[in-house]
Amino acid sequence: MRHRVKATTAGGASGYALLTVVREALSLPPLAYHLGTEGSGVDLMAGTTEDASKLIWSFKDEDNAKGTLSARSGAKVRYTAGKVGTFHVDVVLVHDPKTKLTRETCLVSGSNFATIYVTHVEEGDKEHSVHLMVAHARVAEPEPPTWEVRFGPGQISAEGTTSVYKVDPKASEHFALIVYKGTHPELGVEEEGFILLPLPLTQYKTAYGKLLENKATAASLGGH
C-alpha cells in the first residue's frame, strides 16, 4: 500500500513524501501465467527492497525447460515460450542473494485443446470445492479420463469428464493447476487440457459466475 505523508513547518511551509509499504522483501507477480504457442512471451519483473540488479533468475527444472529467459540477472527478464506438444509448465525462480529469499512463478505455454470450465462452487466448514467439466462432457468417452492437481494444494476426484476439486480454504498457496487427459469422443484422439484456479475459491465466485454465463468466454479464459 502507499501513503502520502505531509510535513508542515511552524511557519506554514509544507512538503509531501510518498511512502510505499510492501508485504514481502521479494515478490514475483503473477504467480501463474498462460501464454500462447512457441514465440509468445511475457515480461517478468520482481519487486524487492534490496538492489534489484543483483537478483538471479533460473528455471526450477533446467533440464526440462522449454522456454528461454532473456537474462539471468536484474529486476526484469522476458520469458519466451518454446515449442511444445499440447502444453508445458516452466517454473521460473528469482533469488535475492542478500536476503536469501526465493520466489517462483509458473508459466504455462501451448494450446489448451480440451476446454475445461467451472460449473459450481461450494463452501463448507473445512473445505471449499469447485465442480469442473470438459466441454464435450455430453458425449461418453471411450476410455476413462484422468484428472490431476499438477501444482497447488487440494485433491481432485473424477467421475468421467466431470470432477470435483476440494481444498482447505486456509491453504497458503494462491492458485492450483488442474490437468485433464482423455480421448475425444468424436475425433478419437488423445487430448489434454488445463485450468488455473485462483485461491481461495469462494473469493472468486463472482469471476467463476461470469464464466458460467458465457461458455464461449469460459473457453477462451479456461487456461488463464
Protein backbone atom coordinates (compact mmCIF):
# COMPACT_ATOMS: atom_id res chain seq x y z
CA MET A 1 0.00 0.00 0.00
CA ARG A 2 1.02 3.61 -0.44
CA HIS A 3 0.73 6.51 1.99
CA ARG A 4 1.21 10.19 1.25
CA VAL A 5 2.95 11.87 4.18
CA LYS A 6 2.70 15.62 4.69
CA ALA A 7 5.23 17.58 6.75
CA THR A 8 4.49 21.16 7.82
CA THR A 9 6.86 23.62 9.48
CA ALA A 10 5.90 26.11 12.19
CA GLY A 11 5.98 28.84 9.54
CA GLY A 12 3.37 27.06 7.41
CA ALA A 13 5.63 25.65 4.69
CA SER A 14 4.78 22.07 3.76
CA GLY A 15 6.06 19.18 1.66
CA TYR A 16 4.98 15.68 0.74
CA ALA A 17 6.58 12.25 0.52
CA LEU A 18 5.15 9.05 -0.95
CA LEU A 19 5.73 6.02 1.28
CA THR A 20 5.34 2.52 -0.16
CA VAL A 21 4.79 -0.38 2.25
CA VAL A 22 5.35 -3.88 0.87
CA ARG A 23 4.21 -7.16 2.35
CA GLU A 24 7.39 -9.04 1.41
CA ALA A 25 11.00 -8.10 0.74
CA LEU A 26 10.83 -10.02 -2.58
CA SER A 27 7.82 -10.61 -4.81
CA LEU A 28 7.26 -12.01 -8.30
CA PRO A 29 3.83 -11.44 -9.84
CA PRO A 30 1.98 -13.06 -11.47
CA LEU A 31 2.00 -16.37 -9.59
CA ALA A 32 0.91 -18.15 -12.76
CA TYR A 33 0.56 -17.09 -16.37
CA HIS A 34 -0.83 -18.69 -19.53
CA LEU A 35 0.95 -17.90 -22.78
CA GLY A 36 0.18 -18.97 -26.30
CA THR A 37 2.33 -21.18 -28.51
CA GLU A 38 6.02 -21.02 -29.45
CA GLY A 39 7.42 -17.49 -29.58
CA SER A 40 4.87 -15.86 -27.29
CA GLY A 41 6.34 -14.19 -24.23
CA VAL A 42 5.78 -12.21 -21.07
CA ASP A 43 7.91 -9.76 -19.09
CA LEU A 44 8.67 -10.87 -15.53
CA MET A 45 9.52 -8.15 -13.03
CA ALA A 46 10.49 -8.85 -9.44
CA GLY A 47 9.76 -6.40 -6.66
CA THR A 48 12.41 -6.09 -3.98
CA THR A 49 13.51 -3.83 -1.14
CA GLU A 50 17.14 -4.59 -1.99
CA ASP A 51 19.31 -3.94 -5.06
CA ALA A 52 17.26 -5.31 -7.97
CA SER A 53 20.31 -5.55 -10.23
CA LYS A 54 21.65 -8.35 -8.02
CA LEU A 55 18.64 -10.62 -8.46
CA ILE A 56 19.32 -14.03 -10.03
CA TRP A 57 16.86 -15.81 -12.37
CA SER A 58 16.70 -19.52 -13.17
CA PHE A 59 14.41 -22.42 -14.06
CA LYS A 60 13.37 -24.78 -11.30
CA ASP A 61 13.98 -27.69 -13.70
CA GLU A 62 16.69 -26.51 -16.08
CA ASP A 63 16.96 -29.83 -17.92
CA ASN A 64 13.29 -29.92 -18.91
CA ALA A 65 12.67 -26.22 -19.51
CA LYS A 66 11.01 -25.48 -22.85
CA GLY A 67 11.13 -21.69 -22.72
CA THR A 68 14.02 -19.23 -22.53
CA LEU A 69 14.92 -16.24 -20.37
CA SER A 70 16.33 -13.07 -21.93
CA ALA A 71 18.71 -12.61 -18.99
CA ARG A 72 19.74 -14.35 -15.78
CA SER A 73 20.14 -11.29 -13.57
CA GLY A 74 18.44 -7.97 -12.93
CA ALA A 75 14.98 -6.79 -11.92
CA LYS A 76 13.29 -7.63 -15.22
CA VAL A 77 13.59 -10.51 -17.71
CA ARG A 78 11.48 -11.73 -20.59
CA TYR A 79 10.26 -15.32 -20.78
CA THR A 80 9.66 -16.71 -24.27
CA ALA A 81 7.73 -19.93 -24.80
CA GLY A 82 9.38 -22.78 -26.68
CA LYS A 83 7.95 -25.50 -28.90
CA VAL A 84 5.63 -27.87 -27.02
CA GLY A 85 3.14 -30.58 -27.90
CA THR A 86 -0.10 -29.76 -26.12
CA PHE A 87 1.11 -27.63 -23.24
CA HIS A 88 4.05 -27.32 -20.87
CA VAL A 89 4.72 -25.73 -17.48
CA ASP A 90 8.01 -23.96 -16.74
CA VAL A 91 8.62 -22.80 -13.18
CA VAL A 92 10.83 -19.71 -13.08
CA LEU A 93 12.67 -18.70 -9.91
CA VAL A 94 14.06 -15.35 -8.82
CA HIS A 95 16.58 -15.28 -5.96
CA ASP A 96 17.94 -12.43 -3.87
CA PRO A 97 21.49 -13.37 -2.76
CA LYS A 98 21.44 -10.78 0.03
CA THR A 99 18.20 -11.74 1.79
CA LYS A 100 18.42 -15.39 0.61
CA LEU A 101 14.74 -15.18 -0.42
CA THR A 102 13.43 -17.02 -3.48
CA ARG A 103 10.11 -16.63 -5.27
CA GLU A 104 8.64 -18.56 -8.20
CA THR A 105 6.06 -18.23 -10.96
CA CYS A 106 4.53 -20.86 -13.25
CA LEU A 107 4.49 -20.18 -17.00
CA VAL A 108 2.03 -22.38 -18.89
CA SER A 109 2.51 -22.38 -22.66
CA GLY A 110 0.88 -24.20 -25.54
CA SER A 111 -2.62 -24.97 -26.75
CA ASN A 112 -5.45 -25.83 -24.41
CA PHE A 113 -7.26 -28.32 -26.64
CA ALA A 114 -9.76 -29.63 -24.11
CA THR A 115 -11.84 -26.76 -22.75
CA ILE A 116 -12.48 -27.02 -19.00
CA TYR A 117 -14.91 -24.76 -17.22
CA VAL A 118 -16.40 -24.27 -13.76
CA THR A 119 -19.96 -25.46 -13.14
CA HIS A 120 -20.39 -24.90 -9.40
CA VAL A 121 -18.57 -23.61 -6.31
CA GLU A 122 -19.38 -24.87 -2.81
CA GLU A 123 -18.34 -23.53 0.57
CA GLY A 124 -18.00 -25.84 3.57
CA ASP A 125 -16.71 -25.60 7.11
CA LYS A 126 -13.41 -27.35 6.44
CA GLU A 127 -13.23 -27.49 2.65
CA HIS A 128 -14.20 -25.45 -0.35
CA SER A 129 -14.89 -27.25 -3.62
CA VAL A 130 -15.40 -26.45 -7.27
CA HIS A 131 -17.02 -28.65 -9.92
CA LEU A 132 -15.22 -28.85 -13.26
CA MET A 133 -16.42 -30.17 -16.60
CA VAL A 134 -14.95 -30.78 -20.04
CA ALA A 135 -16.81 -29.01 -22.85
CA HIS A 136 -17.76 -32.24 -24.62
CA ALA A 137 -18.96 -33.99 -21.45
CA ARG A 138 -22.33 -34.59 -23.10
CA VAL A 139 -20.73 -37.48 -25.01
CA ALA A 140 -19.32 -40.57 -23.27
CA GLU A 141 -15.59 -41.10 -23.71
CA PRO A 142 -14.27 -44.46 -24.97
CA GLU A 143 -11.65 -44.63 -22.19
CA PRO A 144 -11.83 -43.23 -18.63
CA PRO A 145 -10.07 -39.85 -18.47
CA THR A 146 -7.67 -38.78 -15.73
CA TRP A 147 -7.61 -35.62 -13.63
CA GLU A 148 -4.59 -34.39 -11.70
CA VAL A 149 -3.64 -31.50 -9.43
CA ARG A 150 -0.34 -30.62 -11.11
CA PHE A 151 0.52 -27.63 -8.89
CA GLY A 152 -1.03 -26.30 -5.72
CA PRO A 153 -2.89 -27.74 -2.71
CA GLY A 154 -6.03 -29.87 -2.51
CA GLN A 155 -7.21 -33.02 -4.19
CA ILE A 156 -9.47 -33.89 -7.10
CA SER A 157 -11.91 -36.77 -7.57
CA ALA A 158 -13.11 -37.67 -11.04
CA GLU A 159 -16.37 -39.01 -12.39
CA GLY A 160 -15.88 -39.34 -16.12
CA THR A 161 -15.47 -35.98 -17.83
CA THR A 162 -16.57 -34.14 -14.67
CA SER A 163 -14.60 -33.73 -11.46
CA VAL A 164 -14.70 -32.12 -8.02
CA TYR A 165 -11.67 -30.24 -6.72
CA LYS A 166 -11.56 -29.75 -2.93
CA VAL A 167 -9.17 -27.56 -0.96
CA ASP A 168 -8.70 -26.21 2.54
CA PRO A 169 -9.73 -22.52 2.42
CA LYS A 170 -6.78 -21.71 4.69
CA ALA A 171 -4.20 -23.10 2.25
CA SER A 172 -1.26 -20.73 1.81
CA GLU A 173 -0.97 -21.26 -1.96
CA HIS A 174 -2.72 -18.76 -4.22
CA PHE A 175 -3.61 -20.99 -7.17
CA ALA A 176 -3.98 -24.57 -8.35
CA LEU A 177 -3.28 -26.01 -11.80
CA ILE A 178 -5.70 -28.83 -12.73
CA VAL A 179 -4.78 -31.08 -15.67
CA TYR A 180 -7.15 -33.27 -17.68
CA LYS A 181 -6.18 -36.10 -20.04
CA GLY A 182 -8.61 -38.13 -22.11
CA THR A 183 -9.75 -39.26 -25.54
CA HIS A 184 -12.02 -37.04 -27.59
CA PRO A 185 -15.28 -39.00 -28.04
CA GLU A 186 -15.90 -37.81 -31.60
CA LEU A 187 -12.39 -37.47 -33.03
CA GLY A 188 -10.88 -40.44 -31.21
CA VAL A 189 -7.62 -38.60 -30.50
CA GLU A 190 -5.90 -38.13 -27.16
CA GLU A 191 -6.25 -34.64 -25.74
CA GLU A 192 -5.14 -32.63 -22.75
CA GLY A 193 -6.49 -29.55 -21.07
CA PHE A 194 -5.85 -27.46 -18.00
CA ILE A 195 -7.38 -24.75 -15.89
CA LEU A 196 -5.75 -22.37 -13.42
CA LEU A 197 -7.94 -21.80 -10.36
CA PRO A 198 -7.20 -18.77 -8.14
CA LEU A 199 -7.46 -19.47 -4.42
CA PRO A 200 -9.31 -19.22 -2.09
CA LEU A 201 -12.12 -20.49 -4.32
CA THR A 202 -15.01 -18.62 -2.73
CA GLN A 203 -13.18 -15.31 -3.07
CA TYR A 204 -13.54 -15.63 -6.84
CA LYS A 205 -17.15 -16.87 -7.06
CA THR A 206 -18.14 -13.74 -8.99
CA ALA A 207 -15.45 -14.36 -11.61
CA TYR A 208 -16.44 -18.01 -11.97
CA GLY A 209 -20.07 -16.96 -12.29
CA LYS A 210 -19.20 -14.73 -15.24
CA LEU A 211 -17.55 -17.68 -16.97
CA LEU A 212 -20.68 -19.76 -16.49
CA GLU A 213 -22.87 -17.06 -18.04
CA ASN A 214 -20.95 -17.33 -21.28
CA LYS A 215 -19.33 -20.66 -22.14
CA ALA A 216 -17.58 -19.07 -25.12
CA THR A 217 -15.82 -16.79 -22.65
CA ALA A 218 -15.09 -19.80 -20.47
CA ALA A 219 -13.43 -21.48 -23.42
CA SER A 220 -11.14 -18.54 -24.03
CA LEU A 221 -10.31 -17.97 -20.37
CA GLY A 222 -10.26 -21.58 -19.21
CA GLY A 223 -6.47 -21.79 -19.30
CA HIS A 224 -5.82 -18.45 -17.62
